[in-house]
Amino acid sequence: MKGFRSTGAAQRFLAAFSGISRRFRPHRHSLSATHYRAEMSIRLAIWDHITGTAGLPATA
């Protein structure tokens, strides 16, 4: 179960994650490395803006 405590917890996570995961998987096979990096930078910046984490310091 990949670290989930119950099947219910896994199902809740996967239900939320399924709508989000497509945003982070561009069609890699049709992009050059440069375009892939640029696309992922844009997508992650949008995600940071949506989640409100843009401009916050990273924690270790």
PDB file of N, CA and C in Angstrom:
ATOM      1  N   MET A   1       0.820  -1.192   0.000  1.00  0.00           N
ATOM      2  CA  MET A   1       0.000   0.000   0.000  1.00  0.00           C
ATOM      3  C   MET A   1       0.861   1.251   0.000  1.00  0.00           C
ATOM      4  N   LYS A   2       2.138   1.121  -0.240  1.00  0.00           N
ATOM      5  CA  LYS A   2       3.031   2.272  -0.421  1.00  0.00           C
ATOM      6  C   LYS A   2       3.000   3.259   0.741  1.00  0.00           C
ATOM      7  N   GLY A   3       2.894   2.774   1.958  1.00  0.00           N
ATOM      8  CA  GLY A   3       2.987   3.645   3.128  1.00  0.00           C
ATOM      9  C   GLY A   3       1.667   4.217   3.617  1.00  0.00           C
ATOM     10  N   PHE A   4       0.561   3.891   2.999  1.00  0.00           N
ATOM     11  CA  PHE A   4      -0.727   4.362   3.492  1.00  0.00           C
ATOM     12  C   PHE A   4      -1.174   3.488   4.646  1.00  0.00           C
ATOM     13  N   ARG A   5      -1.838   4.093   5.608  1.00  0.00           N
ATOM     14  CA  ARG A   5      -2.267   3.342   6.791  1.00  0.00           C
ATOM     15  C   ARG A   5      -3.482   2.473   6.524  1.00  0.00           C
ATOM     16  N   SER A   6      -4.290   2.872   5.569  1.00  0.00           N
ATOM     17  CA  SER A   6      -5.484   2.087   5.255  1.00  0.00           C
ATOM     18  C   SER A   6      -5.817   2.254   3.779  1.00  0.00           C
ATOM     19  N   THR A   7      -6.682   1.381   3.305  1.00  0.00           N
ATOM     20  CA  THR A   7      -7.096   1.506   1.916  1.00  0.00           C
ATOM     21  C   THR A   7      -7.922   2.776   1.719  1.00  0.00           C
ATOM     22  N   GLY A   8      -8.654   3.182   2.736  1.00  0.00           N
ATOM     23  CA  GLY A   8      -9.437   4.415   2.646  1.00  0.00           C
ATOM     24  C   GLY A   8      -8.543   5.631   2.475  1.00  0.00           C
ATOM     25  N   ALA A   9      -7.435   5.666   3.216  1.00  0.00           N
ATOM     26  CA  ALA A   9      -6.494   6.781   3.085  1.00  0.00           C
ATOM     27  C   ALA A   9      -5.879   6.799   1.692  1.00  0.00           C
ATOM     28  N   ALA A  10      -5.562   5.637   1.183  1.00  0.00           N
ATOM     29  CA  ALA A  10      -4.997   5.558  -0.170  1.00  0.00           C
ATOM     30  C   ALA A  10      -6.016   6.031  -1.201  1.00  0.00           C
ATOM     31  N   GLN A  11      -7.271   5.641  -1.042  1.00  0.00           N
ATOM     32  CA  GLN A  11      -8.303   6.053  -1.983  1.00  0.00           C
ATOM     33  C   GLN A  11      -8.542   7.559  -1.927  1.00  0.00           C
ATOM     34  N   ARG A  12      -8.534   8.144  -0.741  1.00  0.00           N
ATOM     35  CA  ARG A  12      -8.722   9.591  -0.619  1.00  0.00           C
ATOM     36  C   ARG A  12      -7.589  10.347  -1.300  1.00  0.00           C
ATOM     37  N   PHE A  13      -6.358   9.881  -1.074  1.00  0.00           N
ATOM     38  CA  PHE A  13      -5.214  10.521  -1.701  1.00  0.00           C
ATOM     39  C   PHE A  13      -5.292  10.406  -3.221  1.00  0.00           C
ATOM     40  N   LEU A  14      -5.569   9.223  -3.703  1.00  0.00           N
ATOM     41  CA  LEU A  14      -5.601   9.008  -5.148  1.00  0.00           C
ATOM     42  C   LEU A  14      -6.741   9.768  -5.813  1.00  0.00           C
ATOM     43  N   ALA A  15      -7.858   9.932  -5.125  1.00  0.00           N
ATOM     44  CA  ALA A  15      -8.973  10.691  -5.690  1.00  0.00           C
ATOM     45  C   ALA A  15      -8.569  12.144  -5.906  1.00  0.00           C
ATOM     46  N   ALA A  16      -7.856  12.716  -4.948  1.00  0.00           N
ATOM     47  CA  ALA A  16      -7.405  14.100  -5.088  1.00  0.00           C
ATOM     48  C   ALA A  16      -6.243  14.192  -6.077  1.00  0.00           C
ATOM     49  N   PHE A  17      -5.333  13.257  -6.016  1.00  0.00           N
ATOM     50  CA  PHE A  17      -4.121  13.303  -6.836  1.00  0.00           C
ATOM     51  C   PHE A  17      -4.398  13.076  -8.313  1.00  0.00           C
ATOM     52  N   SER A  18      -5.421  12.307  -8.635  1.00  0.00           N
ATOM     53  CA  SER A  18      -5.681  11.994 -10.041  1.00  0.00           C
ATOM     54  C   SER A  18      -6.002  13.244 -10.854  1.00  0.00           C
ATOM     55  N   GLY A  19      -6.658  14.210 -10.253  1.00  0.00           N
ATOM     56  CA  GLY A  19      -6.962  15.442 -10.969  1.00  0.00           C
ATOM     57  C   GLY A  19      -5.774  16.358 -11.112  1.00  0.00           C
ATOM     58  N   ILE A  20      -4.807  16.219 -10.231  1.00  0.00           N
ATOM     59  CA  ILE A  20      -3.635  17.084 -10.221  1.00  0.00           C
ATOM     60  C   ILE A  20      -2.491  16.499 -11.047  1.00  0.00           C
ATOM     61  N   SER A  21      -2.347  15.207 -11.035  1.00  0.00           N
ATOM     62  CA  SER A  21      -1.167  14.570 -11.625  1.00  0.00           C
ATOM     63  C   SER A  21      -0.992  14.849 -13.110  1.00  0.00           C
ATOM     64  N   ARG A  22      -2.093  14.995 -13.835  1.00  0.00           N
ATOM     65  CA  ARG A  22      -1.976  15.257 -15.277  1.00  0.00           C
ATOM     66  C   ARG A  22      -1.264  16.570 -15.550  1.00  0.00           C
ATOM     67  N   ARG A  23      -1.345  17.513 -14.621  1.00  0.00           N
ATOM     68  CA  ARG A  23      -0.711  18.821 -14.816  1.00  0.00           C
ATOM     69  C   ARG A  23       0.808  18.719 -14.814  1.00  0.00           C
ATOM     70  N   PHE A  24       1.329  17.673 -14.202  1.00  0.00           N
ATOM     71  CA  PHE A  24       2.774  17.525 -14.077  1.00  0.00           C
ATOM     72  C   PHE A  24       3.351  16.476 -15.010  1.00  0.00           C
ATOM     73  N   ARG A  25       2.565  16.035 -15.968  1.00  0.00           N
ATOM     74  CA  ARG A  25       3.058  15.044 -16.917  1.00  0.00           C
ATOM     75  C   ARG A  25       2.832  15.495 -18.352  1.00  0.00           C
ATOM     76  N   PRO A  26       3.668  16.421 -18.839  1.00  0.00           N
ATOM     77  CA  PRO A  26       3.532  16.790 -20.250  1.00  0.00           C
ATOM     78  C   PRO A  26       3.971  15.607 -21.122  1.00  0.00           C
ATOM     79  N   HIS A  27       3.623  15.630 -22.353  1.00  0.00           N
ATOM     80  CA  HIS A  27       3.986  14.544 -23.266  1.00  0.00           C
ATOM     81  C   HIS A  27       5.479  14.611 -23.559  1.00  0.00           C
ATOM     82  N   ARG A  28       6.253  13.989 -22.688  1.00  0.00           N
ATOM     83  CA  ARG A  28       7.709  14.062 -22.734  1.00  0.00           C
ATOM     84  C   ARG A  28       8.275  13.558 -24.053  1.00  0.00           C
ATOM     85  N   HIS A  29       7.668  12.556 -24.624  1.00  0.00           N
ATOM     86  CA  HIS A  29       8.199  11.969 -25.857  1.00  0.00           C
ATOM     87  C   HIS A  29       8.150  12.934 -27.035  1.00  0.00           C
ATOM     88  N   SER A  30       7.296  13.952 -26.955  1.00  0.00           N
ATOM     89  CA  SER A  30       7.179  14.877 -28.079  1.00  0.00           C
ATOM     90  C   SER A  30       7.881  16.212 -27.830  1.00  0.00           C
ATOM     91  N   LEU A  31       8.643  16.314 -26.734  1.00  0.00           N
ATOM     92  CA  LEU A  31       9.328  17.559 -26.395  1.00  0.00           C
ATOM     93  C   LEU A  31      10.832  17.345 -26.313  1.00  0.00           C
ATOM     94  N   SER A  32      11.575  18.366 -26.706  1.00  0.00           N
ATOM     95  CA  SER A  32      13.014  18.308 -26.484  1.00  0.00           C
ATOM     96  C   SER A  32      13.267  18.585 -25.006  1.00  0.00           C
ATOM     97  N   ALA A  33      14.454  18.322 -24.537  1.00  0.00           N
ATOM     98  CA  ALA A  33      14.776  18.537 -23.128  1.00  0.00           C
ATOM     99  C   ALA A  33      14.595  20.001 -22.746  1.00  0.00           C
ATOM    100  N   THR A  34      14.988  20.905 -23.613  1.00  0.00           N
ATOM    101  CA  THR A  34      14.859  22.335 -23.335  1.00  0.00           C
ATOM    102  C   THR A  34      13.396  22.733 -23.203  1.00  0.00           C
ATOM    103  N   HIS A  35      12.564  22.265 -24.125  1.00  0.00           N
ATOM    104  CA  HIS A  35      11.139  22.588 -24.070  1.00  0.00           C
ATOM    105  C   HIS A  35      10.460  21.932 -22.872  1.00  0.00           C
ATOM    106  N   TYR A  36      10.882  20.715 -22.530  1.00  0.00           N
ATOM    107  CA  TYR A  36      10.324  20.024 -21.366  1.00  0.00           C
ATOM    108  C   TYR A  36      10.622  20.813 -20.088  1.00  0.00           C
ATOM    109  N   ARG A  37      11.870  21.252 -19.931  1.00  0.00           N
ATOM    110  CA  ARG A  37      12.239  22.030 -18.740  1.00  0.00           C
ATOM    111  C   ARG A  37      11.457  23.334 -18.665  1.00  0.00           C
ATOM    112  N   ALA A  38      11.313  24.001 -19.802  1.00  0.00           N
ATOM    113  CA  ALA A  38      10.560  25.254 -19.828  1.00  0.00           C
ATOM    114  C   ALA A  38       9.093  25.009 -19.469  1.00  0.00           C
ATOM    115  N   GLU A  39       8.513  23.979 -20.020  1.00  0.00           N
ATOM    116  CA  GLU A  39       7.117  23.649 -19.738  1.00  0.00           C
ATOM    117  C   GLU A  39       6.919  23.315 -18.265  1.00  0.00           C
ATOM    118  N   MET A  40       7.830  22.531 -17.695  1.00  0.00           N
ATOM    119  CA  MET A  40       7.707  22.180 -16.283  1.00  0.00           C
ATOM    120  C   MET A  40       7.910  23.402 -15.388  1.00  0.00           C
ATOM    121  N   SER A  41       8.789  24.307 -15.758  1.00  0.00           N
ATOM    122  CA  SER A  41       8.972  25.537 -14.982  1.00  0.00           C
ATOM    123  C   SER A  41       7.687  26.355 -14.965  1.00  0.00           C
ATOM    124  N   ILE A  42       7.046  26.453 -16.105  1.00  0.00           N
ATOM    125  CA  ILE A  42       5.781  27.187 -16.189  1.00  0.00           C
ATOM    126  C   ILE A  42       4.716  26.503 -15.345  1.00  0.00           C
ATOM    127  N   ARG A  43       4.599  25.198 -15.480  1.00  0.00           N
ATOM    128  CA  ARG A  43       3.573  24.457 -14.732  1.00  0.00           C
ATOM    129  C   ARG A  43       3.803  24.542 -13.231  1.00  0.00           C
ATOM    130  N   LEU A  44       5.049  24.446 -12.792  1.00  0.00           N
ATOM    131  CA  LEU A  44       5.331  24.533 -11.360  1.00  0.00           C
ATOM    132  C   LEU A  44       5.110  25.945 -10.835  1.00  0.00           C
ATOM    133  N   ALA A  45       5.386  26.960 -11.634  1.00  0.00           N
ATOM    134  CA  ALA A  45       5.116  28.341 -11.218  1.00  0.00           C
ATOM    135  C   ALA A  45       3.618  28.560 -11.060  1.00  0.00           C
ATOM    136  N   ILE A  46       2.838  28.025 -11.973  1.00  0.00           N
ATOM    137  CA  ILE A  46       1.382  28.130 -11.866  1.00  0.00           C
ATOM    138  C   ILE A  46       0.897  27.399 -10.622  1.00  0.00           C
ATOM    139  N   TRP A  47       1.438  26.219 -10.368  1.00  0.00           N
ATOM    140  CA  TRP A  47       1.049  25.446  -9.181  1.00  0.00           C
ATOM    141  C   TRP A  47       1.394  26.206  -7.905  1.00  0.00           C
ATOM    142  N   ASP A  48       2.574  26.807  -7.858  1.00  0.00           N
ATOM    143  CA  ASP A  48       2.964  27.607  -6.695  1.00  0.00           C
ATOM    144  C   ASP A  48       2.005  28.773  -6.491  1.00  0.00           C
ATOM    145  N   HIS A  49       1.586  29.395  -7.579  1.00  0.00           N
ATOM    146  CA  HIS A  49       0.648  30.511  -7.487  1.00  0.00           C
ATOM    147  C   HIS A  49      -0.713  30.037  -6.971  1.00  0.00           C
ATOM    148  N   ILE A  50      -1.188  28.916  -7.481  1.00  0.00           N
ATOM    149  CA  ILE A  50      -2.492  28.383  -7.075  1.00  0.00           C
ATOM    150  C   ILE A  50      -2.485  27.986  -5.606  1.00  0.00           C
ATOM    151  N   THR A  51      -1.426  27.331  -5.171  1.00  0.00           N
ATOM    152  CA  THR A  51      -1.377  26.835  -3.792  1.00  0.00           C
ATOM    153  C   THR A  51      -0.923  27.891  -2.804  1.00  0.00           C
ATOM    154  N   GLY A  52      -0.496  29.035  -3.297  1.00  0.00           N
ATOM    155  CA  GLY A  52      -0.086  30.105  -2.400  1.00  0.00           C
ATOM    156  C   GLY A  52       1.308  29.956  -1.840  1.00  0.00           C
ATOM    157  N   THR A  53       2.141  29.151  -2.479  1.00  0.00           N
ATOM    158  CA  THR A  53       3.489  28.942  -1.980  1.00  0.00           C
ATOM    159  C   THR A  53       4.516  29.782  -2.724  1.00  0.00           C
ATOM    160  N   ALA A  54       4.081  30.558  -3.700  1.00  0.00           N
ATOM    161  CA  ALA A  54       5.007  31.403  -4.456  1.00  0.00           C
ATOM    162  C   ALA A  54       5.616  32.441  -3.529  1.00  0.00           C
ATOM    163  N   GLY A  55       6.925  32.556  -3.564  1.00  0.00           N
ATOM    164  CA  GLY A  55       7.615  33.556  -2.763  1.00  0.00           C
ATOM    165  C   GLY A  55       7.947  33.114  -1.348  1.00  0.00           C
ATOM    166  N   LEU A  56       7.491  31.947  -0.940  1.00  0.00           N
ATOM    167  CA  LEU A  56       7.822  31.457   0.393  1.00  0.00           C
ATOM    168  C   LEU A  56       9.179  30.767   0.366  1.00  0.00           C
ATOM    169  N   PRO A  57       9.963  30.911   1.429  1.00  0.00           N
ATOM    170  CA  PRO A  57      11.267  30.245   1.446  1.00  0.00           C
ATOM    171  C   PRO A  57      11.102  28.736   1.534  1.00  0.00           C
ATOM    172  N   ALA A  58      11.994  28.032   0.884  1.00  0.00           N
ATOM    173  CA  ALA A  58      11.970  26.556   0.931  1.00  0.00           C
ATOM    174  C   ALA A  58      12.511  26.101   2.271  1.00  0.00           C
ATOM    175  N   THR A  59      11.911  25.040   2.799  1.00  0.00           N
ATOM    176  CA  THR A  59      12.376  24.491   4.070  1.00  0.00           C
ATOM    177  C   THR A  59      13.048  23.154   3.827  1.00  0.00           C
ATOM    178  N   ALA A  60      14.023  22.870   4.630  1.00  0.00           N
ATOM    179  CA  ALA A  60      14.748  21.613   4.465  1.00  0.00           C
ATOM    180  C   ALA A  60      14.243  20.572   5.409  1.00  0.00           C
TER     181      ALA A  60
END
